[in-house]
Amino acid sequence: MENAMNNEEAIRSAKTLTTIIYALYAASYFVGITAIVAIVINYIKKEDVAGTFLESHFRWQIRTFWFGLLWGVLGGIMALIIIGWAVLVADGIWIIYRLVKGWLRLNENKSMYAT
């Protein structure tokens, strides 16, 4: 019984951390450095959530960071030509979508899709 209680407490704590990481990514729209803090936490705590529904959220967050960064850099480079601005806007919208979707599914205690 005590082991199950400790496991529930560990999940609750990890879920709180996952919520904080989503908040750090969202805050990066105003203070960019928070995304760096979030990705570092994702990698440091990744093993702690292995085997739980939160593992998929960590994978979702990590992929959002790296693909968002990739498209942000490409959009920045292409900003010299007009298409780059469209890429940057699309990237920003895509990141917001992923943060909102992840946060909503986390709130419902659901895992993310395997994408």
PDB file of N, CA and C in Angstrom:
ATOM      1  N   MET A   1       0.824  -1.193   0.000  1.00  0.00           N
ATOM      2  CA  MET A   1       0.000   0.000   0.000  1.00  0.00           C
ATOM      3  C   MET A   1       0.864   1.251   0.000  1.00  0.00           C
ATOM      4  N   GLU A   2       1.918   1.239   0.820  1.00  0.00           N
ATOM      5  CA  GLU A   2       2.799   2.400   0.903  1.00  0.00           C
ATOM      6  C   GLU A   2       3.525   2.641  -0.421  1.00  0.00           C
ATOM      7  N   ASN A   3       3.928   1.546  -1.088  1.00  0.00           N
ATOM      8  CA  ASN A   3       4.613   1.662  -2.368  1.00  0.00           C
ATOM      9  C   ASN A   3       3.701   2.305  -3.412  1.00  0.00           C
ATOM     10  N   ALA A   4       2.430   1.901  -3.443  1.00  0.00           N
ATOM     11  CA  ALA A   4       1.475   2.489  -4.382  1.00  0.00           C
ATOM     12  C   ALA A   4       1.273   3.966  -4.092  1.00  0.00           C
ATOM     13  N   MET A   5       1.257   4.319  -2.810  1.00  0.00           N
ATOM     14  CA  MET A   5       1.084   5.709  -2.420  1.00  0.00           C
ATOM     15  C   MET A   5       2.300   6.540  -2.839  1.00  0.00           C
ATOM     16  N   ASN A   6       3.488   5.981  -2.654  1.00  0.00           N
ATOM     17  CA  ASN A   6       4.705   6.681  -3.085  1.00  0.00           C
ATOM     18  C   ASN A   6       4.721   6.850  -4.591  1.00  0.00           C
ATOM     19  N   ASN A   7       4.229   5.826  -5.316  1.00  0.00           N
ATOM     20  CA  ASN A   7       4.167   5.900  -6.771  1.00  0.00           C
ATOM     21  C   ASN A   7       3.193   6.992  -7.213  1.00  0.00           C
ATOM     22  N   GLU A   8       2.041   7.076  -6.572  1.00  0.00           N
ATOM     23  CA  GLU A   8       1.078   8.127  -6.898  1.00  0.00           C
ATOM     24  C   GLU A   8       1.657   9.504  -6.615  1.00  0.00           C
ATOM     25  N   GLU A   9       2.368   9.615  -5.519  1.00  0.00           N
ATOM     26  CA  GLU A   9       3.000  10.894  -5.172  1.00  0.00           C
ATOM     27  C   GLU A   9       4.076  11.257  -6.188  1.00  0.00           C
ATOM     28  N   ALA A  10       4.837  10.258  -6.626  1.00  0.00           N
ATOM     29  CA  ALA A  10       5.879  10.498  -7.634  1.00  0.00           C
ATOM     30  C   ALA A  10       5.260  10.949  -8.954  1.00  0.00           C
ATOM     31  N   ILE A  11       4.154  10.319  -9.349  1.00  0.00           N
ATOM     32  CA  ILE A  11       3.463  10.710 -10.589  1.00  0.00           C
ATOM     33  C   ILE A  11       2.925  12.136 -10.466  1.00  0.00           C
ATOM     34  N   ARG A  12       2.330  12.437  -9.332  1.00  0.00           N
ATOM     35  CA  ARG A  12       1.776  13.783  -9.112  1.00  0.00           C
ATOM     36  C   ARG A  12       2.888  14.832  -9.177  1.00  0.00           C
ATOM     37  N   SER A  13       4.020  14.515  -8.578  1.00  0.00           N
ATOM     38  CA  SER A  13       5.159  15.437  -8.598  1.00  0.00           C
ATOM     39  C   SER A  13       5.690  15.610 -10.026  1.00  0.00           C
ATOM     40  N   ALA A  14       5.802  14.497 -10.751  1.00  0.00           N
ATOM     41  CA  ALA A  14       6.284  14.555 -12.136  1.00  0.00           C
ATOM     42  C   ALA A  14       5.298  15.302 -13.031  1.00  0.00           C
ATOM     43  N   LYS A  15       3.995  15.150 -12.755  1.00  0.00           N
ATOM     44  CA  LYS A  15       2.984  15.876 -13.534  1.00  0.00           C
ATOM     45  C   LYS A  15       3.114  17.374 -13.279  1.00  0.00           C
ATOM     46  N   THR A  16       3.367  17.753 -12.032  1.00  0.00           N
ATOM     47  CA  THR A  16       3.584  19.172 -11.716  1.00  0.00           C
ATOM     48  C   THR A  16       4.802  19.701 -12.465  1.00  0.00           C
ATOM     49  N   LEU A  17       5.876  18.917 -12.484  1.00  0.00           N
ATOM     50  CA  LEU A  17       7.079  19.321 -13.209  1.00  0.00           C
ATOM     51  C   LEU A  17       6.782  19.463 -14.697  1.00  0.00           C
ATOM     52  N   THR A  18       6.005  18.544 -15.253  1.00  0.00           N
ATOM     53  CA  THR A  18       5.654  18.605 -16.673  1.00  0.00           C
ATOM     54  C   THR A  18       4.848  19.861 -16.966  1.00  0.00           C
ATOM     55  N   THR A  19       3.957  20.227 -16.062  1.00  0.00           N
ATOM     56  CA  THR A  19       3.181  21.467 -16.201  1.00  0.00           C
ATOM     57  C   THR A  19       4.114  22.679 -16.193  1.00  0.00           C
ATOM     58  N   ILE A  20       5.075  22.664 -15.296  1.00  0.00           N
ATOM     59  CA  ILE A  20       6.045  23.766 -15.214  1.00  0.00           C
ATOM     60  C   ILE A  20       6.841  23.871 -16.514  1.00  0.00           C
ATOM     61  N   ILE A  21       7.202  22.719 -17.065  1.00  0.00           N
ATOM     62  CA  ILE A  21       7.963  22.735 -18.325  1.00  0.00           C
ATOM     63  C   ILE A  21       7.119  23.328 -19.451  1.00  0.00           C
ATOM     64  N   TYR A  22       5.846  22.954 -19.530  1.00  0.00           N
ATOM     65  CA  TYR A  22       4.969  23.584 -20.532  1.00  0.00           C
ATOM     66  C   TYR A  22       4.927  25.101 -20.309  1.00  0.00           C
ATOM     67  N   ALA A  23       4.843  25.520 -19.054  1.00  0.00           N
ATOM     68  CA  ALA A  23       4.799  26.953 -18.748  1.00  0.00           C
ATOM     69  C   ALA A  23       6.102  27.640 -19.160  1.00  0.00           C
ATOM     70  N   LEU A  24       7.225  26.977 -18.952  1.00  0.00           N
ATOM     71  CA  LEU A  24       8.511  27.556 -19.362  1.00  0.00           C
ATOM     72  C   LEU A  24       8.578  27.725 -20.876  1.00  0.00           C
ATOM     73  N   TYR A  25       8.085  26.730 -21.603  1.00  0.00           N
ATOM     74  CA  TYR A  25       8.054  26.859 -23.066  1.00  0.00           C
ATOM     75  C   TYR A  25       7.141  28.007 -23.484  1.00  0.00           C
ATOM     76  N   ALA A  26       5.983  28.126 -22.851  1.00  0.00           N
ATOM     77  CA  ALA A  26       5.067  29.220 -23.174  1.00  0.00           C
ATOM     78  C   ALA A  26       5.699  30.570 -22.841  1.00  0.00           C
ATOM     79  N   ALA A  27       6.389  30.648 -21.716  1.00  0.00           N
ATOM     80  CA  ALA A  27       7.030  31.901 -21.301  1.00  0.00           C
ATOM     81  C   ALA A  27       8.159  32.301 -22.259  1.00  0.00           C
ATOM     82  N   SER A  28       8.653  31.346 -23.019  1.00  0.00           N
ATOM     83  CA  SER A  28       9.762  31.656 -23.929  1.00  0.00           C
ATOM     84  C   SER A  28       9.349  32.623 -25.028  1.00  0.00           C
ATOM     85  N   TYR A  29       8.050  32.813 -25.226  1.00  0.00           N
ATOM     86  CA  TYR A  29       7.595  33.830 -26.181  1.00  0.00           C
ATOM     87  C   TYR A  29       7.917  35.230 -25.673  1.00  0.00           C
ATOM     88  N   PHE A  30       8.109  35.366 -24.368  1.00  0.00           N
ATOM     89  CA  PHE A  30       8.412  36.666 -23.764  1.00  0.00           C
ATOM     90  C   PHE A  30       9.849  36.742 -23.264  1.00  0.00           C
ATOM     91  N   VAL A  31      10.349  35.625 -22.756  1.00  0.00           N
ATOM     92  CA  VAL A  31      11.720  35.539 -22.234  1.00  0.00           C
ATOM     93  C   VAL A  31      12.329  34.262 -22.826  1.00  0.00           C
ATOM     94  N   GLY A  32      13.013  34.398 -23.927  1.00  0.00           N
ATOM     95  CA  GLY A  32      13.488  33.253 -24.695  1.00  0.00           C
ATOM     96  C   GLY A  32      14.299  32.222 -23.938  1.00  0.00           C
ATOM     97  N   ILE A  33      14.998  32.633 -22.928  1.00  0.00           N
ATOM     98  CA  ILE A  33      15.890  31.723 -22.200  1.00  0.00           C
ATOM     99  C   ILE A  33      15.121  30.611 -21.488  1.00  0.00           C
ATOM    100  N   THR A  34      13.840  30.820 -21.214  1.00  0.00           N
ATOM    101  CA  THR A  34      13.078  29.805 -20.486  1.00  0.00           C
ATOM    102  C   THR A  34      12.931  28.510 -21.290  1.00  0.00           C
ATOM    103  N   ALA A  35      12.978  28.591 -22.619  1.00  0.00           N
ATOM    104  CA  ALA A  35      12.922  27.377 -23.435  1.00  0.00           C
ATOM    105  C   ALA A  35      14.191  26.544 -23.228  1.00  0.00           C
ATOM    106  N   ILE A  36      15.318  27.220 -23.052  1.00  0.00           N
ATOM    107  CA  ILE A  36      16.578  26.504 -22.794  1.00  0.00           C
ATOM    108  C   ILE A  36      16.487  25.792 -21.443  1.00  0.00           C
ATOM    109  N   VAL A  37      15.968  26.477 -20.439  1.00  0.00           N
ATOM    110  CA  VAL A  37      15.790  25.873 -19.119  1.00  0.00           C
ATOM    111  C   VAL A  37      14.870  24.656 -19.239  1.00  0.00           C
ATOM    112  N   ALA A  38      13.784  24.790 -19.989  1.00  0.00           N
ATOM    113  CA  ALA A  38      12.813  23.705 -20.146  1.00  0.00           C
ATOM    114  C   ALA A  38      13.435  22.481 -20.809  1.00  0.00           C
ATOM    115  N   ILE A  39      14.191  22.685 -21.889  1.00  0.00           N
ATOM    116  CA  ILE A  39      14.768  21.533 -22.595  1.00  0.00           C
ATOM    117  C   ILE A  39      15.816  20.838 -21.725  1.00  0.00           C
ATOM    118  N   VAL A  40      16.552  21.596 -20.947  1.00  0.00           N
ATOM    119  CA  VAL A  40      17.533  20.993 -20.032  1.00  0.00           C
ATOM    120  C   VAL A  40      16.809  20.128 -18.999  1.00  0.00           C
ATOM    121  N   ILE A  41      15.735  20.647 -18.428  1.00  0.00           N
ATOM    122  CA  ILE A  41      14.956  19.871 -17.455  1.00  0.00           C
ATOM    123  C   ILE A  41      14.391  18.624 -18.119  1.00  0.00           C
ATOM    124  N   ASN A  42      13.884  18.754 -19.353  1.00  0.00           N
ATOM    125  CA  ASN A  42      13.364  17.585 -20.071  1.00  0.00           C
ATOM    126  C   ASN A  42      14.404  16.468 -20.130  1.00  0.00           C
ATOM    127  N   TYR A  43      15.615  16.817 -20.503  1.00  0.00           N
ATOM    128  CA  TYR A  43      16.647  15.791 -20.639  1.00  0.00           C
ATOM    129  C   TYR A  43      17.114  15.254 -19.290  1.00  0.00           C
ATOM    130  N   ILE A  44      17.212  16.109 -18.290  1.00  0.00           N
ATOM    131  CA  ILE A  44      17.658  15.664 -16.962  1.00  0.00           C
ATOM    132  C   ILE A  44      16.638  14.732 -16.317  1.00  0.00           C
ATOM    133  N   LYS A  45      15.353  15.049 -16.437  1.00  0.00           N
ATOM    134  CA  LYS A  45      14.296  14.295 -15.738  1.00  0.00           C
ATOM    135  C   LYS A  45      13.632  13.225 -16.608  1.00  0.00           C
ATOM    136  N   LYS A  46      14.098  13.054 -17.821  1.00  0.00           N
ATOM    137  CA  LYS A  46      13.491  12.124 -18.766  1.00  0.00           C
ATOM    138  C   LYS A  46      13.392  10.693 -18.215  1.00  0.00           C
ATOM    139  N   GLU A  47      14.425  10.224 -17.575  1.00  0.00           N
ATOM    140  CA  GLU A  47      14.417   8.862 -17.032  1.00  0.00           C
ATOM    141  C   GLU A  47      13.429   8.718 -15.882  1.00  0.00           C
ATOM    142  N   ASP A  48      13.167   9.791 -15.157  1.00  0.00           N
ATOM    143  CA  ASP A  48      12.243   9.736 -14.019  1.00  0.00           C
ATOM    144  C   ASP A  48      10.805   9.471 -14.448  1.00  0.00           C
ATOM    145  N   VAL A  49      10.464   9.813 -15.672  1.00  0.00           N
ATOM    146  CA  VAL A  49       9.081   9.629 -16.146  1.00  0.00           C
ATOM    147  C   VAL A  49       8.940   8.426 -17.081  1.00  0.00           C
ATOM    148  N   ALA A  50      10.033   7.698 -17.289  1.00  0.00           N
ATOM    149  CA  ALA A  50       9.999   6.537 -18.179  1.00  0.00           C
ATOM    150  C   ALA A  50       8.958   5.534 -17.691  1.00  0.00           C
ATOM    151  N   GLY A  51       8.163   5.041 -18.625  1.00  0.00           N
ATOM    152  CA  GLY A  51       7.154   4.054 -18.305  1.00  0.00           C
ATOM    153  C   GLY A  51       5.841   4.624 -17.807  1.00  0.00           C
ATOM    154  N   THR A  52       5.723   5.950 -17.772  1.00  0.00           N
ATOM    155  CA  THR A  52       4.479   6.594 -17.348  1.00  0.00           C
ATOM    156  C   THR A  52       3.880   7.342 -18.540  1.00  0.00           C
ATOM    157  N   PHE A  53       2.651   7.795 -18.380  1.00  0.00           N
ATOM    158  CA  PHE A  53       2.035   8.573 -19.463  1.00  0.00           C
ATOM    159  C   PHE A  53       2.778   9.892 -19.676  1.00  0.00           C
ATOM    160  N   LEU A  54       3.535  10.308 -18.686  1.00  0.00           N
ATOM    161  CA  LEU A  54       4.284  11.569 -18.800  1.00  0.00           C
ATOM    162  C   LEU A  54       5.480  11.445 -19.736  1.00  0.00           C
ATOM    163  N   GLU A  55       5.936  10.230 -19.968  1.00  0.00           N
ATOM    164  CA  GLU A  55       7.048  10.025 -20.899  1.00  0.00           C
ATOM    165  C   GLU A  55       6.693  10.566 -22.281  1.00  0.00           C
ATOM    166  N   SER A  56       5.452  10.341 -22.710  1.00  0.00           N
ATOM    167  CA  SER A  56       5.029  10.836 -24.026  1.00  0.00           C
ATOM    168  C   SER A  56       4.982  12.363 -24.048  1.00  0.00           C
ATOM    169  N   HIS A  57       4.660  12.985 -22.920  1.00  0.00           N
ATOM    170  CA  HIS A  57       4.654  14.451 -22.853  1.00  0.00           C
ATOM    171  C   HIS A  57       6.078  14.990 -22.964  1.00  0.00           C
ATOM    172  N   PHE A  58       7.019  14.332 -22.309  1.00  0.00           N
ATOM    173  CA  PHE A  58       8.411  14.761 -22.417  1.00  0.00           C
ATOM    174  C   PHE A  58       8.886  14.638 -23.857  1.00  0.00           C
ATOM    175  N   ARG A  59       8.553  13.526 -24.522  1.00  0.00           N
ATOM    176  CA  ARG A  59       8.932  13.345 -25.922  1.00  0.00           C
ATOM    177  C   ARG A  59       8.292  14.441 -26.779  1.00  0.00           C
ATOM    178  N   TRP A  60       7.018  14.745 -26.517  1.00  0.00           N
ATOM    179  CA  TRP A  60       6.272  15.800 -27.226  1.00  0.00           C
ATOM    180  C   TRP A  60       6.962  17.152 -27.037  1.00  0.00           C
ATOM    181  N   GLN A  61       7.338  17.451 -25.802  1.00  0.00           N
ATOM    182  CA  GLN A  61       7.993  18.725 -25.501  1.00  0.00           C
ATOM    183  C   GLN A  61       9.365  18.819 -26.168  1.00  0.00           C
ATOM    184  N   ILE A  62      10.133  17.756 -26.104  1.00  0.00           N
ATOM    185  CA  ILE A  62      11.468  17.753 -26.708  1.00  0.00           C
ATOM    186  C   ILE A  62      11.366  17.942 -28.222  1.00  0.00           C
ATOM    187  N   ARG A  63      10.452  17.226 -28.841  1.00  0.00           N
ATOM    188  CA  ARG A  63      10.295  17.371 -30.297  1.00  0.00           C
ATOM    189  C   ARG A  63       9.783  18.760 -30.673  1.00  0.00           C
ATOM    190  N   THR A  64       8.899  19.297 -29.856  1.00  0.00           N
ATOM    191  CA  THR A  64       8.408  20.654 -30.117  1.00  0.00           C
ATOM    192  C   THR A  64       9.573  21.637 -30.079  1.00  0.00           C
ATOM    193  N   PHE A  65      10.442  21.513 -29.088  1.00  0.00           N
ATOM    194  CA  PHE A  65      11.587  22.411 -28.975  1.00  0.00           C
ATOM    195  C   PHE A  65      12.487  22.314 -30.205  1.00  0.00           C
ATOM    196  N   TRP A  66      12.926  21.090 -30.547  1.00  0.00           N
ATOM    197  CA  TRP A  66      13.918  20.946 -31.617  1.00  0.00           C
ATOM    198  C   TRP A  66      13.345  21.290 -32.990  1.00  0.00           C
ATOM    199  N   PHE A  67      12.119  20.847 -33.283  1.00  0.00           N
ATOM    200  CA  PHE A  67      11.543  21.192 -34.585  1.00  0.00           C
ATOM    201  C   PHE A  67      11.177  22.676 -34.641  1.00  0.00           C
ATOM    202  N   GLY A  68      10.737  23.235 -33.536  1.00  0.00           N
ATOM    203  CA  GLY A  68      10.468  24.671 -33.485  1.00  0.00           C
ATOM    204  C   GLY A  68      11.735  25.480 -33.719  1.00  0.00           C
ATOM    205  N   LEU A  69      12.828  25.036 -33.099  1.00  0.00           N
ATOM    206  CA  LEU A  69      14.115  25.709 -33.299  1.00  0.00           C
ATOM    207  C   LEU A  69      14.579  25.586 -34.749  1.00  0.00           C
ATOM    208  N   LEU A  70      14.466  24.382 -35.299  1.00  0.00           N
ATOM    209  CA  LEU A  70      14.869  24.155 -36.689  1.00  0.00           C
ATOM    210  C   LEU A  70      14.120  25.091 -37.636  1.00  0.00           C
ATOM    211  N   TRP A  71      12.781  25.116 -37.524  1.00  0.00           N
ATOM    212  CA  TRP A  71      11.995  25.962 -38.417  1.00  0.00           C
ATOM    213  C   TRP A  71      12.193  27.441 -38.107  1.00  0.00           C
ATOM    214  N   GLY A  72      12.470  27.777 -36.867  1.00  0.00           N
ATOM    215  CA  GLY A  72      12.770  29.163 -36.515  1.00  0.00           C
ATOM    216  C   GLY A  72      14.061  29.642 -37.161  1.00  0.00           C
ATOM    217  N   VAL A  73      15.082  28.786 -37.123  1.00  0.00           N
ATOM    218  CA  VAL A  73      16.364  29.135 -37.753  1.00  0.00           C
ATOM    219  C   VAL A  73      16.191  29.244 -39.266  1.00  0.00           C
ATOM    220  N   LEU A  74      15.515  28.249 -39.857  1.00  0.00           N
ATOM    221  CA  LEU A  74      15.298  28.304 -41.312  1.00  0.00           C
ATOM    222  C   LEU A  74      14.476  29.532 -41.699  1.00  0.00           C
ATOM    223  N   GLY A  75      13.446  29.826 -40.915  1.00  0.00           N
ATOM    224  CA  GLY A  75      12.632  31.017 -41.193  1.00  0.00           C
ATOM    225  C   GLY A  75      13.441  32.288 -41.045  1.00  0.00           C
ATOM    226  N   GLY A  76      14.317  32.319 -40.037  1.00  0.00           N
ATOM    227  CA  GLY A  76      15.175  33.486 -39.845  1.00  0.00           C
ATOM    228  C   GLY A  76      16.123  33.696 -41.016  1.00  0.00           C
ATOM    229  N   ILE A  77      16.678  32.603 -41.489  1.00  0.00           N
ATOM    230  CA  ILE A  77      17.586  32.692 -42.645  1.00  0.00           C
ATOM    231  C   ILE A  77      16.812  33.139 -43.887  1.00  0.00           C
ATOM    232  N   MET A  78      15.624  32.568 -44.063  1.00  0.00           N
ATOM    233  CA  MET A  78      14.822  32.900 -45.243  1.00  0.00           C
ATOM    234  C   MET A  78      14.104  34.237 -45.113  1.00  0.00           C
ATOM    235  N   ALA A  79      14.217  34.886 -43.959  1.00  0.00           N
ATOM    236  CA  ALA A  79      13.556  36.187 -43.773  1.00  0.00           C
ATOM    237  C   ALA A  79      14.150  37.236 -44.710  1.00  0.00           C
ATOM    238  N   LEU A  80      15.326  36.963 -45.221  1.00  0.00           N
ATOM    239  CA  LEU A  80      15.913  37.866 -46.198  1.00  0.00           C
ATOM    240  C   LEU A  80      15.049  37.924 -47.459  1.00  0.00           C
ATOM    241  N   ILE A  81      14.371  36.815 -47.714  1.00  0.00           N
ATOM    242  CA  ILE A  81      13.356  36.819 -48.762  1.00  0.00           C
ATOM    243  C   ILE A  81      12.011  36.721 -48.036  1.00  0.00           C
ATOM    244  N   ILE A  82      10.996  37.152 -48.633  1.00  0.00           N
ATOM    245  CA  ILE A  82       9.693  37.312 -47.978  1.00  0.00           C
ATOM    246  C   ILE A  82       9.157  36.027 -47.363  1.00  0.00           C
ATOM    247  N   ILE A  83       9.398  34.883 -47.957  1.00  0.00           N
ATOM    248  CA  ILE A  83       8.836  33.613 -47.487  1.00  0.00           C
ATOM    249  C   ILE A  83       9.252  33.287 -46.054  1.00  0.00           C
ATOM    250  N   GLY A  84      10.382  33.773 -45.632  1.00  0.00           N
ATOM    251  CA  GLY A  84      10.871  33.501 -44.281  1.00  0.00           C
ATOM    252  C   GLY A  84       9.925  33.981 -43.200  1.00  0.00           C
ATOM    253  N   TRP A  85       9.279  35.108 -43.425  1.00  0.00           N
ATOM    254  CA  TRP A  85       8.341  35.645 -42.436  1.00  0.00           C
ATOM    255  C   TRP A  85       7.140  34.725 -42.285  1.00  0.00           C
ATOM    256  N   ALA A  86       6.685  34.157 -43.388  1.00  0.00           N
ATOM    257  CA  ALA A  86       5.567  33.203 -43.330  1.00  0.00           C
ATOM    258  C   ALA A  86       5.977  31.943 -42.575  1.00  0.00           C
ATOM    259  N   VAL A  87       7.211  31.496 -42.788  1.00  0.00           N
ATOM    260  CA  VAL A  87       7.721  30.320 -42.074  1.00  0.00           C
ATOM    261  C   VAL A  87       7.786  30.612 -40.575  1.00  0.00           C
ATOM    262  N   LEU A  88       8.237  31.792 -40.198  1.00  0.00           N
ATOM    263  CA  LEU A  88       8.321  32.159 -38.778  1.00  0.00           C
ATOM    264  C   LEU A  88       6.938  32.231 -38.128  1.00  0.00           C
ATOM    265  N   VAL A  89       5.974  32.792 -38.836  1.00  0.00           N
ATOM    266  CA  VAL A  89       4.608  32.870 -38.300  1.00  0.00           C
ATOM    267  C   VAL A  89       4.031  31.465 -38.155  1.00  0.00           C
ATOM    268  N   ALA A  90       4.197  30.637 -39.189  1.00  0.00           N
ATOM    269  CA  ALA A  90       3.691  29.267 -39.136  1.00  0.00           C
ATOM    270  C   ALA A  90       4.351  28.491 -38.000  1.00  0.00           C
ATOM    271  N   ASP A  91       5.634  28.684 -37.806  1.00  0.00           N
ATOM    272  CA  ASP A  91       6.362  28.021 -36.719  1.00  0.00           C
ATOM    273  C   ASP A  91       5.812  28.449 -35.359  1.00  0.00           C
ATOM    274  N   GLY A  92       5.581  29.728 -35.193  1.00  0.00           N
ATOM    275  CA  GLY A  92       5.043  30.239 -33.934  1.00  0.00           C
ATOM    276  C   GLY A  92       3.667  29.674 -33.632  1.00  0.00           C
ATOM    277  N   ILE A  93       2.820  29.602 -34.654  1.00  0.00           N
ATOM    278  CA  ILE A  93       1.473  29.046 -34.486  1.00  0.00           C
ATOM    279  C   ILE A  93       1.552  27.556 -34.159  1.00  0.00           C
ATOM    280  N   TRP A  94       2.445  26.851 -34.842  1.00  0.00           N
ATOM    281  CA  TRP A  94       2.616  25.413 -34.619  1.00  0.00           C
ATOM    282  C   TRP A  94       3.080  25.137 -33.188  1.00  0.00           C
ATOM    283  N   ILE A  95       4.002  25.920 -32.679  1.00  0.00           N
ATOM    284  CA  ILE A  95       4.485  25.744 -31.311  1.00  0.00           C
ATOM    285  C   ILE A  95       3.364  26.011 -30.314  1.00  0.00           C
ATOM    286  N   ILE A  96       2.612  27.076 -30.522  1.00  0.00           N
ATOM    287  CA  ILE A  96       1.483  27.377 -29.627  1.00  0.00           C
ATOM    288  C   ILE A  96       0.484  26.227 -29.643  1.00  0.00           C
ATOM    289  N   TYR A  97       0.165  25.713 -30.821  1.00  0.00           N
ATOM    290  CA  TYR A  97      -0.752  24.567 -30.936  1.00  0.00           C
ATOM    291  C   TYR A  97      -0.251  23.390 -30.110  1.00  0.00           C
ATOM    292  N   ARG A  98       1.023  23.060 -30.238  1.00  0.00           N
ATOM    293  CA  ARG A  98       1.569  21.902 -29.528  1.00  0.00           C
ATOM    294  C   ARG A  98       1.589  22.120 -28.017  1.00  0.00           C
ATOM    295  N   LEU A  99       1.869  23.338 -27.592  1.00  0.00           N
ATOM    296  CA  LEU A  99       1.848  23.613 -26.155  1.00  0.00           C
ATOM    297  C   LEU A  99       0.440  23.499 -25.595  1.00  0.00           C
ATOM    298  N   VAL A 100      -0.525  24.076 -26.285  1.00  0.00           N
ATOM    299  CA  VAL A 100      -1.916  24.026 -25.818  1.00  0.00           C
ATOM    300  C   VAL A 100      -2.422  22.582 -25.825  1.00  0.00           C
ATOM    301  N   LYS A 101      -2.181  21.859 -26.906  1.00  0.00           N
ATOM    302  CA  LYS A 101      -2.645  20.472 -26.997  1.00  0.00           C
ATOM    303  C   LYS A 101      -2.002  19.625 -25.900  1.00  0.00           C
ATOM    304  N   GLY A 102      -0.722  19.789 -25.699  1.00  0.00           N
ATOM    305  CA  GLY A 102      -0.028  19.026 -24.663  1.00  0.00           C
ATOM    306  C   GLY A 102      -0.554  19.345 -23.275  1.00  0.00           C
ATOM    307  N   TRP A 103      -0.712  20.626 -22.991  1.00  0.00           N
ATOM    308  CA  TRP A 103      -1.212  21.055 -21.688  1.00  0.00           C
ATOM    309  C   TRP A 103      -2.616  20.509 -21.430  1.00  0.00           C
ATOM    310  N   LEU A 104      -3.482  20.557 -22.432  1.00  0.00           N
ATOM    311  CA  LEU A 104      -4.843  20.046 -22.276  1.00  0.00           C
ATOM    312  C   LEU A 104      -4.846  18.543 -22.006  1.00  0.00           C
ATOM    313  N   ARG A 105      -4.050  17.800 -22.766  1.00  0.00           N
ATOM    314  CA  ARG A 105      -3.990  16.344 -22.565  1.00  0.00           C
ATOM    315  C   ARG A 105      -3.360  16.011 -21.219  1.00  0.00           C
ATOM    316  N   LEU A 106      -2.379  16.789 -20.788  1.00  0.00           N
ATOM    317  CA  LEU A 106      -1.775  16.575 -19.468  1.00  0.00           C
ATOM    318  C   LEU A 106      -2.824  16.789 -18.385  1.00  0.00           C
ATOM    319  N   ASN A 107      -3.620  17.830 -18.532  1.00  0.00           N
ATOM    320  CA  ASN A 107      -4.664  18.139 -17.559  1.00  0.00           C
ATOM    321  C   ASN A 107      -5.695  17.007 -17.456  1.00  0.00           C
ATOM    322  N   GLU A 108      -5.874  16.275 -18.558  1.00  0.00           N
ATOM    323  CA  GLU A 108      -6.813  15.152 -18.582  1.00  0.00           C
ATOM    324  C   GLU A 108      -6.131  13.820 -18.230  1.00  0.00           C
ATOM    325  N   ASN A 109      -4.862  13.877 -17.845  1.00  0.00           N
ATOM    326  CA  ASN A 109      -4.071  12.678 -17.520  1.00  0.00           C
ATOM    327  C   ASN A 109      -3.981  11.714 -18.699  1.00  0.00           C
ATOM    328  N   LYS A 110      -3.908  12.264 -19.904  1.00  0.00           N
ATOM    329  CA  LYS A 110      -3.785  11.450 -21.122  1.00  0.00           C
ATOM    330  C   LYS A 110      -2.383  11.601 -21.680  1.00  0.00           C
ATOM    331  N   SER A 111      -1.926  10.527 -22.297  1.00  0.00           N
ATOM    332  CA  SER A 111      -0.626  10.592 -22.947  1.00  0.00           C
ATOM    333  C   SER A 111      -0.749  11.306 -24.291  1.00  0.00           C
ATOM    334  N   MET A 112       0.373  11.689 -24.832  1.00  0.00           N
ATOM    335  CA  MET A 112       0.398  12.318 -26.154  1.00  0.00           C
ATOM    336  C   MET A 112       0.503  11.229 -27.202  1.00  0.00           C
ATOM    337  N   TYR A 113       0.214  11.576 -28.415  1.00  0.00           N
ATOM    338  CA  TYR A 113       0.374  10.646 -29.511  1.00  0.00           C
ATOM    339  C   TYR A 113       1.856  10.368 -29.704  1.00  0.00           C
ATOM    340  N   ALA A 114       2.170   9.317 -30.370  1.00  0.00           N
ATOM    341  CA  ALA A 114       3.561   8.906 -30.567  1.00  0.00           C
ATOM    342  C   ALA A 114       4.219   9.664 -31.701  1.00  0.00           C
ATOM    343  N   THR A 115       3.895  10.956 -31.854  1.00  0.00           N
ATOM    344  CA  THR A 115       4.502  11.747 -32.928  1.00  0.00           C
ATOM    345  C   THR A 115       5.500  12.708 -32.353  1.00  0.00           C
TER     346      THR A 115
END
